[in-house]
Amino acid sequence: MTATQHKYVELNENNVPYISGTTMKVIELVSGHLAFGWSPEEIKFQHPYLSMSQIYSTLAYYWDNKEELDADLQRRFEYAEKLRLEAGESALVKKLRDRGLIK
């Protein structure tokens, strides 16, 4: 791991930022913050093994690298959407749709 300017964020050999002392990627914490509007206190509740210092350092890293991390989130979303479309409708969804339980 390579240290960054942020005390609790390190880069692995592929330059992927991780929260120091954990196996959690920065993007995982940030996605919860953005998708659910989680405050640092809510992030702590959801991830009790993180310290508030780790959380604030990770969020500071995000804001200092926002453009790059937002682009990564967009790539991940597009990839997941591509896989979802390729997979097609699941048997459960088809069954529920046929019964008129979902549209």
PDB file of N, CA and C in Angstrom:
ATOM      1  N   MET A   1       0.837  -1.184   0.000  1.00  0.00           N
ATOM      2  CA  MET A   1       0.000   0.000   0.000  1.00  0.00           C
ATOM      3  C   MET A   1       0.886   1.253   0.000  1.00  0.00           C
ATOM      4  N   THR A   2       0.368   2.268  -0.668  1.00  0.00           N
ATOM      5  CA  THR A   2       1.063   3.555  -0.753  1.00  0.00           C
ATOM      6  C   THR A   2       0.265   4.603   0.007  1.00  0.00           C
ATOM      7  N   ALA A   3       0.947   5.362   0.839  1.00  0.00           N
ATOM      8  CA  ALA A   3       0.285   6.411   1.607  1.00  0.00           C
ATOM      9  C   ALA A   3      -0.179   7.534   0.688  1.00  0.00           C
ATOM     10  N   THR A   4      -1.204   8.247   1.125  1.00  0.00           N
ATOM     11  CA  THR A   4      -1.688   9.438   0.422  1.00  0.00           C
ATOM     12  C   THR A   4      -1.562  10.616   1.379  1.00  0.00           C
ATOM     13  N   GLN A   5      -1.989  11.779   0.946  1.00  0.00           N
ATOM     14  CA  GLN A   5      -1.989  12.951   1.819  1.00  0.00           C
ATOM     15  C   GLN A   5      -3.038  12.827   2.920  1.00  0.00           C
ATOM     16  N   HIS A   6      -3.929  11.880   2.784  1.00  0.00           N
ATOM     17  CA  HIS A   6      -5.001  11.663   3.752  1.00  0.00           C
ATOM     18  C   HIS A   6      -4.584  10.513   4.665  1.00  0.00           C
ATOM     19  N   LYS A   7      -4.525  10.800   5.942  1.00  0.00           N
ATOM     20  CA  LYS A   7      -3.972   9.878   6.930  1.00  0.00           C
ATOM     21  C   LYS A   7      -4.556   8.468   6.849  1.00  0.00           C
ATOM     22  N   TYR A   8      -5.836   8.339   6.589  1.00  0.00           N
ATOM     23  CA  TYR A   8      -6.487   7.036   6.635  1.00  0.00           C
ATOM     24  C   TYR A   8      -6.846   6.470   5.263  1.00  0.00           C
ATOM     25  N   VAL A   9      -6.192   6.964   4.219  1.00  0.00           N
ATOM     26  CA  VAL A   9      -6.442   6.441   2.873  1.00  0.00           C
ATOM     27  C   VAL A   9      -5.110   6.018   2.258  1.00  0.00           C
ATOM     28  N   GLU A  10      -5.084   4.796   1.732  1.00  0.00           N
ATOM     29  CA  GLU A  10      -3.910   4.253   1.062  1.00  0.00           C
ATOM     30  C   GLU A  10      -4.301   3.749  -0.319  1.00  0.00           C
ATOM     31  N   LEU A  11      -3.345   3.728  -1.224  1.00  0.00           N
ATOM     32  CA  LEU A  11      -3.558   3.186  -2.569  1.00  0.00           C
ATOM     33  C   LEU A  11      -2.922   1.811  -2.646  1.00  0.00           C
ATOM     34  N   ASN A  12      -3.650   0.849  -3.231  1.00  0.00           N
ATOM     35  CA  ASN A  12      -3.057  -0.475  -3.411  1.00  0.00           C
ATOM     36  C   ASN A  12      -2.179  -0.472  -4.659  1.00  0.00           C
ATOM     37  N   GLU A  13      -1.685  -1.632  -5.036  1.00  0.00           N
ATOM     38  CA  GLU A  13      -0.766  -1.743  -6.178  1.00  0.00           C
ATOM     39  C   GLU A  13      -1.415  -1.320  -7.501  1.00  0.00           C
ATOM     40  N   ASN A  14      -2.748  -1.309  -7.554  1.00  0.00           N
ATOM     41  CA  ASN A  14      -3.467  -0.871  -8.762  1.00  0.00           C
ATOM     42  C   ASN A  14      -3.972   0.568  -8.641  1.00  0.00           C
ATOM     43  N   ASN A  15      -3.464   1.291  -7.642  1.00  0.00           N
ATOM     44  CA  ASN A  15      -3.872   2.676  -7.365  1.00  0.00           C
ATOM     45  C   ASN A  15      -5.335   2.817  -6.977  1.00  0.00           C
ATOM     46  N   VAL A  16      -5.901   1.758  -6.399  1.00  0.00           N
ATOM     47  CA  VAL A  16      -7.272   1.804  -5.894  1.00  0.00           C
ATOM     48  C   VAL A  16      -7.194   2.270  -4.443  1.00  0.00           C
ATOM     49  N   PRO A  17      -7.907   3.347  -4.087  1.00  0.00           N
ATOM     50  CA  PRO A  17      -7.855   3.841  -2.712  1.00  0.00           C
ATOM     51  C   PRO A  17      -8.675   2.982  -1.744  1.00  0.00           C
ATOM     52  N   TYR A  18      -8.032   2.619  -0.636  1.00  0.00           N
ATOM     53  CA  TYR A  18      -8.640   1.846   0.438  1.00  0.00           C
ATOM     54  C   TYR A  18      -8.554   2.631   1.729  1.00  0.00           C
ATOM     55  N   ILE A  19      -9.453   2.330   2.652  1.00  0.00           N
ATOM     56  CA  ILE A  19      -9.378   2.907   3.986  1.00  0.00           C
ATOM     57  C   ILE A  19      -8.319   2.120   4.751  1.00  0.00           C
ATOM     58  N   SER A  20      -7.322   2.828   5.258  1.00  0.00           N
ATOM     59  CA  SER A  20      -6.198   2.190   5.957  1.00  0.00           C
ATOM     60  C   SER A  20      -6.690   1.266   7.064  1.00  0.00           C
ATOM     61  N   GLY A  21      -6.050   0.107   7.146  1.00  0.00           N
ATOM     62  CA  GLY A  21      -6.371  -0.850   8.195  1.00  0.00           C
ATOM     63  C   GLY A  21      -7.628  -1.657   7.945  1.00  0.00           C
ATOM     64  N   THR A  22      -8.216  -1.506   6.757  1.00  0.00           N
ATOM     65  CA  THR A  22      -9.443  -2.245   6.414  1.00  0.00           C
ATOM     66  C   THR A  22      -9.302  -2.831   5.013  1.00  0.00           C
ATOM     67  N   THR A  23     -10.302  -3.571   4.617  1.00  0.00           N
ATOM     68  CA  THR A  23     -10.381  -4.054   3.233  1.00  0.00           C
ATOM     69  C   THR A  23     -11.419  -3.250   2.454  1.00  0.00           C
ATOM     70  N   MET A  24     -11.880  -2.141   3.029  1.00  0.00           N
ATOM     71  CA  MET A  24     -12.940  -1.341   2.409  1.00  0.00           C
ATOM     72  C   MET A  24     -12.362  -0.315   1.446  1.00  0.00           C
ATOM     73  N   LYS A  25     -12.885  -0.330   0.225  1.00  0.00           N
ATOM     74  CA  LYS A  25     -12.495   0.668  -0.765  1.00  0.00           C
ATOM     75  C   LYS A  25     -13.167   2.001  -0.449  1.00  0.00           C
ATOM     76  N   VAL A  26     -12.470   3.066  -0.757  1.00  0.00           N
ATOM     77  CA  VAL A  26     -13.022   4.404  -0.574  1.00  0.00           C
ATOM     78  C   VAL A  26     -14.342   4.527  -1.318  1.00  0.00           C
ATOM     79  N   ILE A  27     -14.411   3.990  -2.519  1.00  0.00           N
ATOM     80  CA  ILE A  27     -15.605   4.115  -3.359  1.00  0.00           C
ATOM     81  C   ILE A  27     -16.819   3.481  -2.691  1.00  0.00           C
ATOM     82  N   GLU A  28     -16.615   2.449  -1.871  1.00  0.00           N
ATOM     83  CA  GLU A  28     -17.730   1.801  -1.173  1.00  0.00           C
ATOM     84  C   GLU A  28     -18.332   2.737  -0.132  1.00  0.00           C
ATOM     85  N   LEU A  29     -17.488   3.406   0.634  1.00  0.00           N
ATOM     86  CA  LEU A  29     -17.988   4.349   1.625  1.00  0.00           C
ATOM     87  C   LEU A  29     -18.660   5.526   0.934  1.00  0.00           C
ATOM     88  N   VAL A  30     -18.031   6.028  -0.100  1.00  0.00           N
ATOM     89  CA  VAL A  30     -18.557   7.192  -0.820  1.00  0.00           C
ATOM     90  C   VAL A  30     -19.896   6.872  -1.468  1.00  0.00           C
ATOM     91  N   SER A  31     -20.047   5.669  -2.007  1.00  0.00           N
ATOM     92  CA  SER A  31     -21.310   5.329  -2.669  1.00  0.00           C
ATOM     93  C   SER A  31     -22.462   5.321  -1.667  1.00  0.00           C
ATOM     94  N   GLY A  32     -22.231   4.865  -0.439  1.00  0.00           N
ATOM     95  CA  GLY A  32     -23.272   4.929   0.590  1.00  0.00           C
ATOM     96  C   GLY A  32     -23.602   6.362   0.954  1.00  0.00           C
ATOM     97  N   HIS A  33     -22.583   7.169   1.035  1.00  0.00           N
ATOM     98  CA  HIS A  33     -22.762   8.591   1.343  1.00  0.00           C
ATOM     99  C   HIS A  33     -23.598   9.276   0.260  1.00  0.00           C
ATOM    100  N   LEU A  34     -23.291   9.007  -0.992  1.00  0.00           N
ATOM    101  CA  LEU A  34     -23.992   9.657  -2.099  1.00  0.00           C
ATOM    102  C   LEU A  34     -25.372   9.054  -2.364  1.00  0.00           C
ATOM    103  N   ALA A  35     -25.457   7.738  -2.396  1.00  0.00           N
ATOM    104  CA  ALA A  35     -26.714   7.076  -2.757  1.00  0.00           C
ATOM    105  C   ALA A  35     -27.788   7.228  -1.688  1.00  0.00           C
ATOM    106  N   PHE A  36     -27.387   7.150  -0.430  1.00  0.00           N
ATOM    107  CA  PHE A  36     -28.359   7.171   0.656  1.00  0.00           C
ATOM    108  C   PHE A  36     -28.350   8.470   1.449  1.00  0.00           C
ATOM    109  N   GLY A  37     -27.430   9.367   1.115  1.00  0.00           N
ATOM    110  CA  GLY A  37     -27.333  10.625   1.836  1.00  0.00           C
ATOM    111  C   GLY A  37     -26.836  10.458   3.260  1.00  0.00           C
ATOM    112  N   TRP A  38     -26.072   9.388   3.501  1.00  0.00           N
ATOM    113  CA  TRP A  38     -25.585   9.107   4.849  1.00  0.00           C
ATOM    114  C   TRP A  38     -24.634  10.180   5.337  1.00  0.00           C
ATOM    115  N   SER A  39     -24.872  10.650   6.521  1.00  0.00           N
ATOM    116  CA  SER A  39     -23.956  11.563   7.207  1.00  0.00           C
ATOM    117  C   SER A  39     -22.782  10.733   7.734  1.00  0.00           C
ATOM    118  N   PRO A  40     -21.705  11.387   8.151  1.00  0.00           N
ATOM    119  CA  PRO A  40     -20.610  10.624   8.766  1.00  0.00           C
ATOM    120  C   PRO A  40     -21.082   9.784   9.962  1.00  0.00           C
ATOM    121  N   GLU A  41     -22.015  10.312  10.728  1.00  0.00           N
ATOM    122  CA  GLU A  41     -22.529   9.561  11.879  1.00  0.00           C
ATOM    123  C   GLU A  41     -23.308   8.324  11.430  1.00  0.00           C
ATOM    124  N   GLU A  42     -24.077   8.444  10.363  1.00  0.00           N
ATOM    125  CA  GLU A  42     -24.813   7.287   9.837  1.00  0.00           C
ATOM    126  C   GLU A  42     -23.845   6.271   9.249  1.00  0.00           C
ATOM    127  N   ILE A  43     -22.802   6.735   8.583  1.00  0.00           N
ATOM    128  CA  ILE A  43     -21.781   5.819   8.059  1.00  0.00           C
ATOM    129  C   ILE A  43     -21.169   5.039   9.221  1.00  0.00           C
ATOM    130  N   LYS A  44     -20.892   5.718  10.319  1.00  0.00           N
ATOM    131  CA  LYS A  44     -20.337   5.055  11.515  1.00  0.00           C
ATOM    132  C   LYS A  44     -21.312   4.009  12.036  1.00  0.00           C
ATOM    133  N   PHE A  45     -22.604   4.327  12.052  1.00  0.00           N
ATOM    134  CA  PHE A  45     -23.615   3.369  12.486  1.00  0.00           C
ATOM    135  C   PHE A  45     -23.633   2.145  11.569  1.00  0.00           C
ATOM    136  N   GLN A  46     -23.546   2.377  10.265  1.00  0.00           N
ATOM    137  CA  GLN A  46     -23.588   1.289   9.282  1.00  0.00           C
ATOM    138  C   GLN A  46     -22.290   0.482   9.260  1.00  0.00           C
ATOM    139  N   HIS A  47     -21.185   1.122   9.602  1.00  0.00           N
ATOM    140  CA  HIS A  47     -19.863   0.480   9.572  1.00  0.00           C
ATOM    141  C   HIS A  47     -19.157   0.745  10.897  1.00  0.00           C
ATOM    142  N   PRO A  48     -19.589   0.087  11.970  1.00  0.00           N
ATOM    143  CA  PRO A  48     -19.067   0.395  13.306  1.00  0.00           C
ATOM    144  C   PRO A  48     -17.580   0.121  13.491  1.00  0.00           C
ATOM    145  N   TYR A  49     -16.982  -0.657  12.599  1.00  0.00           N
ATOM    146  CA  TYR A  49     -15.550  -0.955  12.680  1.00  0.00           C
ATOM    147  C   TYR A  49     -14.687   0.211  12.195  1.00  0.00           C
ATOM    148  N   LEU A  50     -15.303   1.234  11.574  1.00  0.00           N
ATOM    149  CA  LEU A  50     -14.559   2.411  11.135  1.00  0.00           C
ATOM    150  C   LEU A  50     -14.569   3.462  12.240  1.00  0.00           C
ATOM    151  N   SER A  51     -13.471   4.183  12.353  1.00  0.00           N
ATOM    152  CA  SER A  51     -13.439   5.307  13.291  1.00  0.00           C
ATOM    153  C   SER A  51     -13.972   6.547  12.579  1.00  0.00           C
ATOM    154  N   MET A  52     -14.388   7.520  13.358  1.00  0.00           N
ATOM    155  CA  MET A  52     -14.845   8.778  12.759  1.00  0.00           C
ATOM    156  C   MET A  52     -13.696   9.439  11.997  1.00  0.00           C
ATOM    157  N   SER A  53     -12.479   9.278  12.474  1.00  0.00           N
ATOM    158  CA  SER A  53     -11.321   9.831  11.767  1.00  0.00           C
ATOM    159  C   SER A  53     -11.163   9.185  10.390  1.00  0.00           C
ATOM    160  N   GLN A  54     -11.341   7.871  10.320  1.00  0.00           N
ATOM    161  CA  GLN A  54     -11.263   7.182   9.030  1.00  0.00           C
ATOM    162  C   GLN A  54     -12.361   7.683   8.096  1.00  0.00           C
ATOM    163  N   ILE A  55     -13.546   7.860   8.620  1.00  0.00           N
ATOM    164  CA  ILE A  55     -14.686   8.301   7.807  1.00  0.00           C
ATOM    165  C   ILE A  55     -14.443   9.709   7.265  1.00  0.00           C
ATOM    166  N   TYR A  56     -14.081  10.634   8.137  1.00  0.00           N
ATOM    167  CA  TYR A  56     -13.849  12.011   7.689  1.00  0.00           C
ATOM    168  C   TYR A  56     -12.661  12.100   6.732  1.00  0.00           C
ATOM    169  N   SER A  57     -11.619  11.332   6.975  1.00  0.00           N
ATOM    170  CA  SER A  57     -10.465  11.328   6.077  1.00  0.00           C
ATOM    171  C   SER A  57     -10.859  10.803   4.698  1.00  0.00           C
ATOM    172  N   THR A  58     -11.687   9.762   4.690  1.00  0.00           N
ATOM    173  CA  THR A  58     -12.150   9.182   3.422  1.00  0.00           C
ATOM    174  C   THR A  58     -13.024  10.167   2.664  1.00  0.00           C
ATOM    175  N   LEU A  59     -13.911  10.851   3.367  1.00  0.00           N
ATOM    176  CA  LEU A  59     -14.758  11.851   2.699  1.00  0.00           C
ATOM    177  C   LEU A  59     -13.921  13.020   2.187  1.00  0.00           C
ATOM    178  N   ALA A  60     -12.907  13.422   2.932  1.00  0.00           N
ATOM    179  CA  ALA A  60     -12.011  14.490   2.464  1.00  0.00           C
ATOM    180  C   ALA A  60     -11.273  14.028   1.213  1.00  0.00           C
ATOM    181  N   TYR A  61     -10.844  12.759   1.199  1.00  0.00           N
ATOM    182  CA  TYR A  61     -10.180  12.215   0.013  1.00  0.00           C
ATOM    183  C   TYR A  61     -11.132  12.277  -1.185  1.00  0.00           C
ATOM    184  N   TYR A  62     -12.385  11.915  -0.953  1.00  0.00           N
ATOM    185  CA  TYR A  62     -13.373  11.972  -2.041  1.00  0.00           C
ATOM    186  C   TYR A  62     -13.469  13.393  -2.592  1.00  0.00           C
ATOM    187  N   TRP A  63     -13.652  14.383  -1.733  1.00  0.00           N
ATOM    188  CA  TRP A  63     -13.822  15.751  -2.213  1.00  0.00           C
ATOM    189  C   TRP A  63     -12.566  16.273  -2.896  1.00  0.00           C
ATOM    190  N   ASP A  64     -11.406  15.798  -2.472  1.00  0.00           N
ATOM    191  CA  ASP A  64     -10.162  16.210  -3.128  1.00  0.00           C
ATOM    192  C   ASP A  64      -9.942  15.494  -4.460  1.00  0.00           C
ATOM    193  N   ASN A  65     -10.643  14.395  -4.681  1.00  0.00           N
ATOM    194  CA  ASN A  65     -10.498  13.599  -5.904  1.00  0.00           C
ATOM    195  C   ASN A  65     -11.854  13.315  -6.532  1.00  0.00           C
ATOM    196  N   LYS A  66     -12.782  14.238  -6.365  1.00  0.00           N
ATOM    197  CA  LYS A  66     -14.176  14.055  -6.751  1.00  0.00           C
ATOM    198  C   LYS A  66     -14.358  13.665  -8.220  1.00  0.00           C
ATOM    199  N   GLU A  67     -13.713  14.364  -9.108  1.00  0.00           N
ATOM    200  CA  GLU A  67     -13.900  14.104 -10.537  1.00  0.00           C
ATOM    201  C   GLU A  67     -13.513  12.666 -10.890  1.00  0.00           C
ATOM    202  N   GLU A  68     -12.374  12.229 -10.407  1.00  0.00           N
ATOM    203  CA  GLU A  68     -11.904  10.868 -10.690  1.00  0.00           C
ATOM    204  C   GLU A  68     -12.819   9.813 -10.073  1.00  0.00           C
ATOM    205  N   LEU A  69     -13.230  10.018  -8.830  1.00  0.00           N
ATOM    206  CA  LEU A  69     -14.082   9.035  -8.163  1.00  0.00           C
ATOM    207  C   LEU A  69     -15.500   9.033  -8.724  1.00  0.00           C
ATOM    208  N   ASP A  70     -16.019  10.196  -9.094  1.00  0.00           N
ATOM    209  CA  ASP A  70     -17.338  10.239  -9.739  1.00  0.00           C
ATOM    210  C   ASP A  70     -17.311   9.508 -11.080  1.00  0.00           C
ATOM    211  N   ALA A  71     -16.214   9.644 -11.813  1.00  0.00           N
ATOM    212  CA  ALA A  71     -16.077   8.928 -13.089  1.00  0.00           C
ATOM    213  C   ALA A  71     -16.036   7.417 -12.838  1.00  0.00           C
ATOM    214  N   ASP A  72     -15.364   7.001 -11.777  1.00  0.00           N
ATOM    215  CA  ASP A  72     -15.320   5.581 -11.419  1.00  0.00           C
ATOM    216  C   ASP A  72     -16.713   5.073 -11.066  1.00  0.00           C
ATOM    217  N   LEU A  73     -17.459   5.843 -10.288  1.00  0.00           N
ATOM    218  CA  LEU A  73     -18.836   5.461  -9.955  1.00  0.00           C
ATOM    219  C   LEU A  73     -19.692   5.332 -11.212  1.00  0.00           C
ATOM    220  N   GLN A  74     -19.538   6.254 -12.142  1.00  0.00           N
ATOM    221  CA  GLN A  74     -20.306   6.217 -13.393  1.00  0.00           C
ATOM    222  C   GLN A  74     -19.955   4.979 -14.209  1.00  0.00           C
ATOM    223  N   ARG A  75     -18.658   4.656 -14.292  1.00  0.00           N
ATOM    224  CA  ARG A  75     -18.235   3.438 -15.014  1.00  0.00           C
ATOM    225  C   ARG A  75     -18.841   2.195 -14.369  1.00  0.00           C
ATOM    226  N   ARG A  76     -18.829   2.136 -13.051  1.00  0.00           N
ATOM    227  CA  ARG A  76     -19.396   0.985 -12.349  1.00  0.00           C
ATOM    228  C   ARG A  76     -20.898   0.867 -12.609  1.00  0.00           C
ATOM    229  N   PHE A  77     -21.601   1.996 -12.576  1.00  0.00           N
ATOM    230  CA  PHE A  77     -23.038   1.993 -12.843  1.00  0.00           C
ATOM    231  C   PHE A  77     -23.319   1.504 -14.261  1.00  0.00           C
ATOM    232  N   GLU A  78     -22.586   2.016 -15.233  1.00  0.00           N
ATOM    233  CA  GLU A  78     -22.790   1.615 -16.625  1.00  0.00           C
ATOM    234  C   GLU A  78     -22.511   0.133 -16.823  1.00  0.00           C
ATOM    235  N   TYR A  79     -21.487  -0.388 -16.168  1.00  0.00           N
ATOM    236  CA  TYR A  79     -21.158  -1.806 -16.273  1.00  0.00           C
ATOM    237  C   TYR A  79     -22.279  -2.654 -15.658  1.00  0.00           C
ATOM    238  N   ALA A  80     -22.756  -2.264 -14.485  1.00  0.00           N
ATOM    239  CA  ALA A  80     -23.844  -3.006 -13.833  1.00  0.00           C
ATOM    240  C   ALA A  80     -25.114  -2.959 -14.677  1.00  0.00           C
ATOM    241  N   GLU A  81     -25.398  -1.808 -15.261  1.00  0.00           N
ATOM    242  CA  GLU A  81     -26.582  -1.664 -16.113  1.00  0.00           C
ATOM    243  C   GLU A  81     -26.462  -2.551 -17.355  1.00  0.00           C
ATOM    244  N   LYS A  82     -25.275  -2.611 -17.940  1.00  0.00           N
ATOM    245  CA  LYS A  82     -25.026  -3.464 -19.104  1.00  0.00           C
ATOM    246  C   LYS A  82     -25.285  -4.926 -18.737  1.00  0.00           C
ATOM    247  N   LEU A  83     -24.770  -5.365 -17.592  1.00  0.00           N
ATOM    248  CA  LEU A  83     -24.987  -6.744 -17.159  1.00  0.00           C
ATOM    249  C   LEU A  83     -26.459  -7.022 -16.894  1.00  0.00           C
ATOM    250  N   ARG A  84     -27.153  -6.052 -16.288  1.00  0.00           N
ATOM    251  CA  ARG A  84     -28.584  -6.219 -16.011  1.00  0.00           C
ATOM    252  C   ARG A  84     -29.367  -6.394 -17.303  1.00  0.00           C
ATOM    253  N   LEU A  85     -29.059  -5.575 -18.295  1.00  0.00           N
ATOM    254  CA  LEU A  85     -29.766  -5.667 -19.577  1.00  0.00           C
ATOM    255  C   LEU A  85     -29.446  -6.972 -20.296  1.00  0.00           C
ATOM    256  N   GLU A  86     -28.196  -7.403 -20.222  1.00  0.00           N
ATOM    257  CA  GLU A  86     -27.805  -8.663 -20.860  1.00  0.00           C
ATOM    258  C   GLU A  86     -28.468  -9.859 -20.194  1.00  0.00           C
ATOM    259  N   ALA A  87     -28.669  -9.789 -18.883  1.00  0.00           N
ATOM    260  CA  ALA A  87     -29.262 -10.907 -18.142  1.00  0.00           C
ATOM    261  C   ALA A  87     -30.746 -11.059 -18.460  1.00  0.00           C
ATOM    262  N   GLY A  88     -31.391  -9.963 -18.798  1.00  0.00           N
ATOM    263  CA  GLY A  88     -32.818 -10.024 -19.103  1.00  0.00           C
ATOM    264  C   GLY A  88     -33.659 -10.201 -17.859  1.00  0.00           C
ATOM    265  N   GLU A  89     -34.935 -10.427 -18.092  1.00  0.00           N
ATOM    266  CA  GLU A  89     -35.892 -10.546 -16.996  1.00  0.00           C
ATOM    267  C   GLU A  89     -35.696 -11.865 -16.251  1.00  0.00           C
ATOM    268  N   SER A  90     -35.696 -11.800 -14.936  1.00  0.00           N
ATOM    269  CA  SER A  90     -35.543 -13.020 -14.144  1.00  0.00           C
ATOM    270  C   SER A  90     -36.851 -13.801 -14.139  1.00  0.00           C
ATOM    271  N   ALA A  91     -36.752 -15.070 -13.784  1.00  0.00           N
ATOM    272  CA  ALA A  91     -37.940 -15.933 -13.715  1.00  0.00           C
ATOM    273  C   ALA A  91     -38.922 -15.394 -12.673  1.00  0.00           C
ATOM    274  N   LEU A  92     -38.415 -14.891 -11.563  1.00  0.00           N
ATOM    275  CA  LEU A  92     -39.288 -14.354 -10.530  1.00  0.00           C
ATOM    276  C   LEU A  92     -40.047 -13.126 -11.029  1.00  0.00           C
ATOM    277  N   VAL A  93     -39.349 -12.215 -11.681  1.00  0.00           N
ATOM    278  CA  VAL A  93     -40.008 -11.014 -12.204  1.00  0.00           C
ATOM    279  C   VAL A  93     -41.055 -11.401 -13.233  1.00  0.00           C
ATOM    280  N   LYS A  94     -40.723 -12.343 -14.106  1.00  0.00           N
ATOM    281  CA  LYS A  94     -41.684 -12.796 -15.116  1.00  0.00           C
ATOM    282  C   LYS A  94     -42.933 -13.366 -14.448  1.00  0.00           C
ATOM    283  N   LYS A  95     -42.740 -14.187 -13.431  1.00  0.00           N
ATOM    284  CA  LYS A  95     -43.860 -14.788 -12.711  1.00  0.00           C
ATOM    285  C   LYS A  95     -44.730 -13.712 -12.051  1.00  0.00           C
ATOM    286  N   LEU A  96     -44.108 -12.759 -11.387  1.00  0.00           N
ATOM    287  CA  LEU A  96     -44.855 -11.674 -10.742  1.00  0.00           C
ATOM    288  C   LEU A  96     -45.585 -10.814 -11.761  1.00  0.00           C
ATOM    289  N   ARG A  97     -44.935 -10.558 -12.892  1.00  0.00           N
ATOM    290  CA  ARG A  97     -45.554  -9.758 -13.957  1.00  0.00           C
ATOM    291  C   ARG A  97     -46.752 -10.508 -14.547  1.00  0.00           C
ATOM    292  N   ASP A  98     -46.589 -11.808 -14.775  1.00  0.00           N
ATOM    293  CA  ASP A  98     -47.685 -12.620 -15.329  1.00  0.00           C
ATOM    294  C   ASP A  98     -48.895 -12.657 -14.397  1.00  0.00           C
ATOM    295  N   ARG A  99     -48.645 -12.567 -13.108  1.00  0.00           N
ATOM    296  CA  ARG A  99     -49.740 -12.579 -12.114  1.00  0.00           C
ATOM    297  C   ARG A  99     -50.294 -11.173 -11.882  1.00  0.00           C
ATOM    298  N   GLY A 100     -49.720 -10.188 -12.559  1.00  0.00           N
ATOM    299  CA  GLY A 100     -50.191  -8.821 -12.418  1.00  0.00           C
ATOM    300  C   GLY A 100     -49.789  -8.159 -11.109  1.00  0.00           C
ATOM    301  N   LEU A 101     -48.791  -8.712 -10.452  1.00  0.00           N
ATOM    302  CA  LEU A 101     -48.352  -8.164  -9.168  1.00  0.00           C
ATOM    303  C   LEU A 101     -47.364  -7.016  -9.323  1.00  0.00           C
ATOM    304  N   ILE A 102     -46.715  -6.959 -10.488  1.00  0.00           N
ATOM    305  CA  ILE A 102     -45.841  -5.834 -10.814  1.00  0.00           C
ATOM    306  C   ILE A 102     -46.072  -5.465 -12.268  1.00  0.00           C
ATOM    307  N   LYS A 103     -45.660  -4.256 -12.610  1.00  0.00           N
ATOM    308  CA  LYS A 103     -45.824  -3.809 -13.998  1.00  0.00           C
ATOM    309  C   LYS A 103     -44.555  -3.988 -14.777  1.00  0.00           C
TER     310      LYS A 103
END
